[in-house]
Amino acid sequence: MFSFAQLTTLLSQRENQILSVTKAPERLYEPIRYMLSLGGKKIRPALVLMSCNLFSDEVEPAVDPALGIEIFHNFTLMHDDLMDRSDMRRGKPTIHKKWNDNTAILSGDAMLILAYQYVSSCKPEILSEVLNLFSTTAREVCEGQQFDMDFETRDRVTEEEYLEMIRLKTAVLLGCALKTGAFAGNADPLDARYLYDFGINIGLAFQLKDDLLDVYGDASVFGKNIGGDIVCNKKTFLLIKALEHADSRQKDVLNHWISLPAFDRDEKVRQVTEIYNQLNIKDIGEEKAVFYYKNAMDCLEKVSVEHARKQELILLAGNLMNRQF
């Protein structure tokens, strides 16, 4: 069995081979190399290989599809940054800031095509299943992004709507990664489904943890300013539950800050966080994240391989739940 560290090292080596290739026109491919060179946790491609490794000691058949999923993930980040007008990604200027909007659009489109090329470089006998899964997932991620954009202009979003949005925007790609790896490892279809469900639930827990870290994390560890979601009035799980549980005074405070066009950033974060604290929103968020984490563990338990082979996935899931960044 390979460890998470061994698999991410393998993925980095193969990714470096992609980055070392020089193609023309340079202005199309340089931003792609730049985006991929920014790093990241490589959770999604690692999940492809870890899932494959549950059923096979040979992970090479899963490497190209794993790289394709990582390229796709970075494509979505490139376009997300453009739509959000974000200046920084992983501590470096975003593509549209370093180059321009048109470059971010076109190079992002090229990344999507490259992603399909790598994902389709799988064993012929699983090609149809892999491509159908990947295409469905890609469409669902777009649906999730549109829901997220729609929520920006809505006064209220329900808990159920928010959870569906993060399932589409975040969780389905984790499920896709795990199920793709299961296909590559010749897993039983039922085991592949259990791994997909494991990915969905750990993805929901992952995003809920992100919501919590944005308010309660340590900025020096989290890697960005605390309270960004509050400043942008993002309809996170925390805000949704706060509006649900608040009394009339607390709702007035929240609505005041949500509607205020100009404000002191630190004061807004402080006052909204104080309402969260009064309502024990942190505990509610942590309880929901743990709920999905436990669901994920239940799904993984059903996969019909010996428990010892699941240890790396169990460890990774625990690390994602306990992370501070």
Protein backbone atom coordinates (compact mmCIF):
# COMPACT_ATOMS: atom_id res chain seq x y z
CA MET A 1 0.00 0.00 0.00
CA PHE A 2 1.16 3.52 -0.82
CA SER A 3 1.00 6.36 1.69
CA PHE A 4 -0.64 9.70 0.89
CA ALA A 5 2.82 11.31 0.88
CA GLN A 6 4.19 8.75 -1.58
CA LEU A 7 1.26 9.27 -3.93
CA THR A 8 1.46 13.07 -3.86
CA THR A 9 5.20 12.82 -4.59
CA LEU A 10 4.43 10.61 -7.58
CA LEU A 11 1.78 13.04 -8.78
CA SER A 12 4.14 16.00 -8.40
CA GLN A 13 6.79 14.23 -10.46
CA ARG A 14 4.33 13.52 -13.24
CA GLU A 15 2.89 17.02 -13.05
CA ASN A 16 6.40 18.43 -13.42
CA GLN A 17 6.65 16.55 -16.69
CA ILE A 18 3.57 18.45 -17.87
CA LEU A 19 5.03 21.76 -16.72
CA SER A 20 8.33 21.10 -18.51
CA VAL A 21 6.66 20.77 -21.91
CA THR A 22 6.86 23.96 -23.96
CA LYS A 23 4.16 24.44 -26.58
CA ALA A 24 3.14 27.26 -28.86
CA PRO A 25 1.48 29.65 -28.57
CA GLU A 26 3.30 30.54 -25.38
CA ARG A 27 0.60 32.95 -24.19
CA LEU A 28 -1.89 30.06 -24.10
CA TYR A 29 0.23 27.54 -22.22
CA GLU A 30 2.32 29.75 -19.91
CA PRO A 31 -0.71 30.60 -17.71
CA ILE A 32 -1.57 26.89 -17.49
CA ARG A 33 1.94 26.03 -16.31
CA TYR A 34 1.78 28.94 -13.88
CA MET A 35 -1.57 27.82 -12.44
CA LEU A 36 -0.42 24.23 -11.96
CA SER A 37 2.86 25.38 -10.41
CA LEU A 38 1.05 27.20 -7.59
CA GLY A 39 0.78 23.90 -5.74
CA GLY A 40 -2.11 22.87 -3.54
CA LYS A 41 -2.90 19.86 -1.38
CA LYS A 42 -3.47 17.50 -4.35
CA ILE A 43 -6.27 15.83 -2.42
CA ARG A 44 -8.40 15.03 -5.47
CA PRO A 45 -5.76 13.27 -7.60
CA ALA A 46 -4.44 11.50 -4.51
CA LEU A 47 -7.93 10.15 -3.84
CA VAL A 48 -7.97 8.62 -7.33
CA LEU A 49 -4.75 6.74 -6.61
CA MET A 50 -5.71 5.82 -3.04
CA SER A 51 -9.01 4.39 -4.22
CA CYS A 52 -7.28 2.39 -6.96
CA ASN A 53 -4.75 1.17 -4.40
CA LEU A 54 -7.52 -0.32 -2.26
CA PHE A 55 -8.07 -2.95 -4.95
CA SER A 56 -4.72 -3.09 -6.75
CA ASP A 57 -1.06 -2.78 -5.83
CA GLU A 58 -0.49 -1.13 -9.21
CA VAL A 59 -1.64 2.51 -9.36
CA GLU A 60 -0.09 3.46 -12.72
CA PRO A 61 -3.38 2.92 -14.64
CA ALA A 62 -4.95 5.63 -12.47
CA VAL A 63 -2.21 8.27 -12.76
CA ASP A 64 -3.34 10.00 -15.97
CA PRO A 65 -7.01 10.17 -14.91
CA ALA A 66 -5.84 11.54 -11.55
CA LEU A 67 -3.85 14.27 -13.31
CA GLY A 68 -6.87 15.03 -15.45
CA ILE A 69 -9.01 15.58 -12.37
CA GLU A 70 -6.34 17.85 -10.87
CA ILE A 71 -6.13 19.87 -14.09
CA PHE A 72 -9.92 20.17 -14.12
CA HIS A 73 -9.93 21.35 -10.49
CA ASN A 74 -7.37 24.05 -11.29
CA PHE A 75 -9.38 25.07 -14.36
CA THR A 76 -12.39 25.68 -12.12
CA LEU A 77 -10.24 27.75 -9.76
CA MET A 78 -8.93 29.83 -12.66
CA HIS A 79 -12.43 30.69 -13.81
CA ASP A 80 -13.72 31.10 -10.23
CA ASP A 81 -11.01 33.69 -9.60
CA LEU A 82 -12.06 35.57 -12.71
CA MET A 83 -15.76 35.53 -11.79
CA ASP A 84 -15.00 36.55 -8.19
CA ARG A 85 -12.44 39.18 -9.31
CA SER A 86 -9.97 37.62 -6.84
CA ASP A 87 -6.49 39.12 -6.77
CA MET A 88 -4.59 36.27 -5.14
CA ARG A 89 -4.53 32.46 -5.33
CA ARG A 90 -2.24 30.52 -2.98
CA GLY A 91 -0.32 33.68 -2.24
CA LYS A 92 0.33 34.58 -5.89
CA PRO A 93 -1.46 36.83 -8.40
CA THR A 94 -4.41 35.20 -10.13
CA ILE A 95 -4.31 34.57 -13.88
CA HIS A 96 -6.53 37.50 -14.84
CA LYS A 97 -4.42 39.83 -12.68
CA LYS A 98 -1.05 38.57 -13.94
CA TRP A 99 -2.27 38.51 -17.56
CA ASN A 100 -5.84 39.59 -18.37
CA ASP A 101 -9.46 38.37 -18.46
CA ASN A 102 -9.28 36.95 -21.97
CA THR A 103 -6.19 34.93 -21.09
CA ALA A 104 -7.94 33.47 -18.04
CA ILE A 105 -10.90 32.46 -20.21
CA LEU A 106 -8.95 30.92 -23.07
CA SER A 107 -6.23 29.23 -21.03
CA GLY A 108 -8.95 27.91 -18.73
CA ASP A 109 -10.79 26.47 -21.73
CA ALA A 110 -7.57 24.79 -22.84
CA MET A 111 -7.16 23.31 -19.34
CA LEU A 112 -10.62 21.78 -19.55
CA ILE A 113 -9.70 20.13 -22.86
CA LEU A 114 -6.41 18.88 -21.39
CA ALA A 115 -8.33 17.49 -18.43
CA TYR A 116 -10.50 15.43 -20.77
CA GLN A 117 -7.41 14.18 -22.62
CA TYR A 118 -5.80 12.95 -19.41
CA VAL A 119 -8.99 11.48 -17.91
CA SER A 120 -9.63 9.56 -21.14
CA SER A 121 -6.13 8.05 -20.98
CA CYS A 122 -7.45 5.15 -18.96
CA LYS A 123 -7.90 1.48 -19.71
CA PRO A 124 -10.17 1.04 -22.75
CA GLU A 125 -12.52 -1.27 -20.89
CA ILE A 126 -13.44 1.48 -18.39
CA LEU A 127 -13.31 4.46 -20.77
CA SER A 128 -17.07 4.81 -21.20
CA GLU A 129 -17.78 4.68 -17.46
CA VAL A 130 -14.95 7.07 -16.61
CA LEU A 131 -15.92 9.66 -19.23
CA ASN A 132 -19.62 9.49 -18.36
CA LEU A 133 -18.80 10.02 -14.69
CA PHE A 134 -16.36 12.85 -15.40
CA SER A 135 -18.74 14.64 -17.79
CA THR A 136 -21.61 14.40 -15.30
CA THR A 137 -19.35 15.71 -12.54
CA ALA A 138 -18.09 18.60 -14.67
CA ARG A 139 -21.66 19.65 -15.41
CA GLU A 140 -22.61 19.36 -11.73
CA VAL A 141 -19.70 21.56 -10.69
CA CYS A 142 -20.99 24.23 -13.09
CA GLU A 143 -24.46 23.86 -11.58
CA GLY A 144 -23.00 24.33 -8.11
CA GLN A 145 -21.13 27.44 -9.20
CA GLN A 146 -24.32 28.92 -10.67
CA PHE A 147 -26.24 28.23 -7.46
CA ASP A 148 -23.46 29.93 -5.51
CA MET A 149 -23.69 32.96 -7.80
CA ASP A 150 -27.49 33.00 -7.53
CA PHE A 151 -27.27 33.00 -3.73
CA GLU A 152 -25.28 36.26 -3.83
CA THR A 153 -28.38 38.20 -4.92
CA ARG A 154 -30.89 36.42 -2.68
CA ASP A 155 -31.88 37.66 0.75
CA ARG A 156 -32.38 34.17 2.16
CA VAL A 157 -31.02 30.72 1.40
CA THR A 158 -32.19 27.59 3.18
CA GLU A 159 -29.90 25.04 4.80
CA GLU A 160 -31.03 22.42 2.27
CA GLU A 161 -30.25 24.72 -0.67
CA TYR A 162 -26.82 25.51 0.71
CA LEU A 163 -25.93 21.87 1.32
CA GLU A 164 -27.01 20.98 -2.23
CA MET A 165 -24.87 23.81 -3.59
CA ILE A 166 -21.72 22.64 -1.80
CA ARG A 167 -22.47 19.03 -2.76
CA LEU A 168 -22.37 20.10 -6.41
CA LYS A 169 -19.58 22.65 -6.21
CA THR A 170 -17.19 20.70 -3.96
CA ALA A 171 -18.26 17.19 -2.98
CA VAL A 172 -19.07 15.62 -6.36
CA LEU A 173 -15.48 16.04 -7.58
CA LEU A 174 -14.20 14.13 -4.55
CA GLY A 175 -16.75 11.42 -5.23
CA CYS A 176 -15.72 11.36 -8.88
CA ALA A 177 -12.04 11.01 -7.92
CA LEU A 178 -12.72 8.04 -5.67
CA LYS A 179 -15.05 6.28 -8.09
CA THR A 180 -12.61 6.81 -10.97
CA GLY A 181 -9.85 5.21 -8.91
CA ALA A 182 -12.15 2.31 -8.08
CA PHE A 183 -12.83 1.79 -11.81
CA ALA A 184 -9.08 1.79 -12.49
CA GLY A 185 -8.55 -0.79 -9.75
CA ASN A 186 -11.29 -3.06 -11.18
CA ALA A 187 -13.48 -2.67 -8.11
CA ASP A 188 -16.92 -4.19 -7.80
CA PRO A 189 -19.60 -1.63 -8.87
CA LEU A 190 -21.10 -1.63 -5.37
CA ASP A 191 -17.71 -0.84 -3.81
CA ALA A 192 -17.24 1.95 -6.37
CA ARG A 193 -20.60 3.38 -5.28
CA TYR A 194 -19.69 3.20 -1.59
CA LEU A 195 -16.47 5.08 -2.34
CA TYR A 196 -18.40 7.71 -4.30
CA ASP A 197 -20.72 8.20 -1.32
CA PHE A 198 -17.69 8.37 0.99
CA GLY A 199 -16.39 11.20 -1.20
CA ILE A 200 -19.70 13.07 -1.18
CA ASN A 201 -19.92 13.00 2.60
CA ILE A 202 -16.28 13.87 3.24
CA GLY A 203 -16.66 16.70 0.71
CA LEU A 204 -19.63 18.14 2.60
CA ALA A 205 -17.69 17.88 5.87
CA PHE A 206 -14.67 19.50 4.16
CA GLN A 207 -16.65 22.54 3.01
CA LEU A 208 -18.40 22.97 6.35
CA LYS A 209 -14.95 22.92 7.96
CA ASP A 210 -13.90 25.66 5.53
CA ASP A 211 -16.88 27.77 6.63
CA LEU A 212 -15.79 27.38 10.24
CA LEU A 213 -12.13 28.16 9.54
CA ASP A 214 -13.07 31.33 7.69
CA VAL A 215 -14.55 32.70 10.93
CA TYR A 216 -12.72 30.82 13.68
CA GLY A 217 -9.39 29.89 12.11
CA ASP A 218 -5.96 31.34 12.82
CA ALA A 219 -5.13 33.77 9.99
CA SER A 220 -1.41 32.95 10.21
CA VAL A 221 -2.21 29.26 9.62
CA PHE A 222 -5.35 29.56 7.46
CA GLY A 223 -3.40 31.53 4.83
CA LYS A 224 -5.91 34.36 4.36
CA ASN A 225 -7.71 36.99 6.39
CA ILE A 226 -10.31 35.67 8.79
CA GLY A 227 -13.89 36.77 8.13
CA GLY A 228 -13.79 36.98 4.36
CA ASP A 229 -17.18 35.26 4.06
CA ILE A 230 -18.70 37.69 6.55
CA VAL A 231 -17.31 40.70 4.69
CA CYS A 232 -18.77 39.42 1.38
CA ASN A 233 -22.14 38.45 2.93
CA LYS A 234 -21.68 34.87 1.70
CA LYS A 235 -24.63 32.65 2.55
CA THR A 236 -22.55 30.09 4.40
CA PHE A 237 -23.94 27.44 6.70
CA LEU A 238 -22.99 29.67 9.65
CA LEU A 239 -24.92 32.71 8.43
CA ILE A 240 -27.93 30.60 7.43
CA LYS A 241 -28.11 29.00 10.88
CA ALA A 242 -27.54 32.35 12.61
CA LEU A 243 -30.49 33.93 10.78
CA GLU A 244 -32.56 30.84 11.59
CA HIS A 245 -31.83 30.94 15.35
CA ALA A 246 -31.51 34.69 15.96
CA ASP A 247 -34.03 36.68 17.96
CA SER A 248 -35.35 39.97 16.60
CA ARG A 249 -32.47 42.05 18.02
CA GLN A 250 -29.82 39.69 16.68
CA LYS A 251 -31.51 39.58 13.27
CA ASP A 252 -31.53 43.38 13.20
CA VAL A 253 -27.77 43.41 13.85
CA LEU A 254 -27.08 40.79 11.16
CA ASN A 255 -29.33 42.48 8.60
CA HIS A 256 -27.77 45.85 9.39
CA TRP A 257 -24.30 44.59 8.51
CA ILE A 258 -25.52 42.61 5.51
CA SER A 259 -27.22 45.68 4.01
CA LEU A 260 -24.53 48.23 4.85
CA PRO A 261 -22.79 49.32 1.61
CA ALA A 262 -19.73 50.83 3.34
CA PHE A 263 -18.30 49.64 6.63
CA ASP A 264 -15.23 49.06 8.75
CA ARG A 265 -14.10 45.52 7.90
CA ASP A 266 -12.81 44.56 11.33
CA GLU A 267 -15.88 45.94 13.09
CA LYS A 268 -18.25 44.03 10.82
CA VAL A 269 -16.37 40.78 11.37
CA ARG A 270 -16.28 41.39 15.12
CA GLN A 271 -19.98 42.14 15.50
CA VAL A 272 -21.23 39.33 13.26
CA THR A 273 -18.90 36.86 14.98
CA GLU A 274 -20.26 38.03 18.33
CA ILE A 275 -23.79 37.13 17.19
CA TYR A 276 -22.48 33.73 16.05
CA ASN A 277 -20.96 33.22 19.49
CA GLN A 278 -24.19 34.17 21.27
CA LEU A 279 -26.04 31.57 19.19
CA ASN A 280 -23.39 28.83 19.53
CA ILE A 281 -23.13 28.72 15.75
CA LYS A 282 -19.61 27.30 15.90
CA ASP A 283 -20.90 24.24 17.80
CA ILE A 284 -23.79 23.83 15.34
CA GLY A 285 -21.39 23.97 12.39
CA GLU A 286 -18.97 21.52 13.96
CA GLU A 287 -21.82 19.13 14.77
CA LYS A 288 -22.97 19.19 11.14
CA ALA A 289 -19.46 18.60 9.85
CA VAL A 290 -19.03 15.65 12.23
CA PHE A 291 -22.39 14.26 11.03
CA TYR A 292 -21.12 14.06 7.44
CA TYR A 293 -17.71 12.79 8.55
CA LYS A 294 -19.41 9.90 10.37
CA ASN A 295 -21.54 9.21 7.31
CA ALA A 296 -18.36 9.07 5.26
CA MET A 297 -16.78 6.59 7.66
CA ASP A 298 -19.89 4.41 7.49
CA CYS A 299 -19.65 4.34 3.68
CA LEU A 300 -15.96 3.46 3.77
CA GLU A 301 -16.62 0.67 6.26
CA LYS A 302 -18.94 -0.98 3.71
CA VAL A 303 -16.21 -1.26 1.08
CA SER A 304 -15.33 -4.92 0.83
CA VAL A 305 -11.57 -4.79 1.32
CA GLU A 306 -9.72 -5.55 4.53
CA HIS A 307 -9.65 -2.74 7.08
CA ALA A 308 -5.86 -2.40 6.97
CA ARG A 309 -6.01 -1.31 3.31
CA LYS A 310 -8.34 1.55 4.26
CA GLN A 311 -6.00 3.10 6.81
CA GLU A 312 -4.59 5.80 4.51
CA LEU A 313 -8.07 6.96 3.53
CA ILE A 314 -9.16 6.95 7.17
CA LEU A 315 -6.09 8.98 8.12
CA LEU A 316 -6.63 11.47 5.28
CA ALA A 317 -10.29 11.95 6.22
CA GLY A 318 -9.30 12.60 9.83
CA ASN A 319 -6.66 15.12 8.75
CA LEU A 320 -9.20 16.97 6.60
CA MET A 321 -11.57 17.20 9.56
CA ASN A 322 -8.90 18.37 12.00
CA ARG A 323 -7.00 20.72 9.70
CA GLN A 324 -6.42 24.37 10.52
CA PHE A 325 -5.99 25.58 6.94
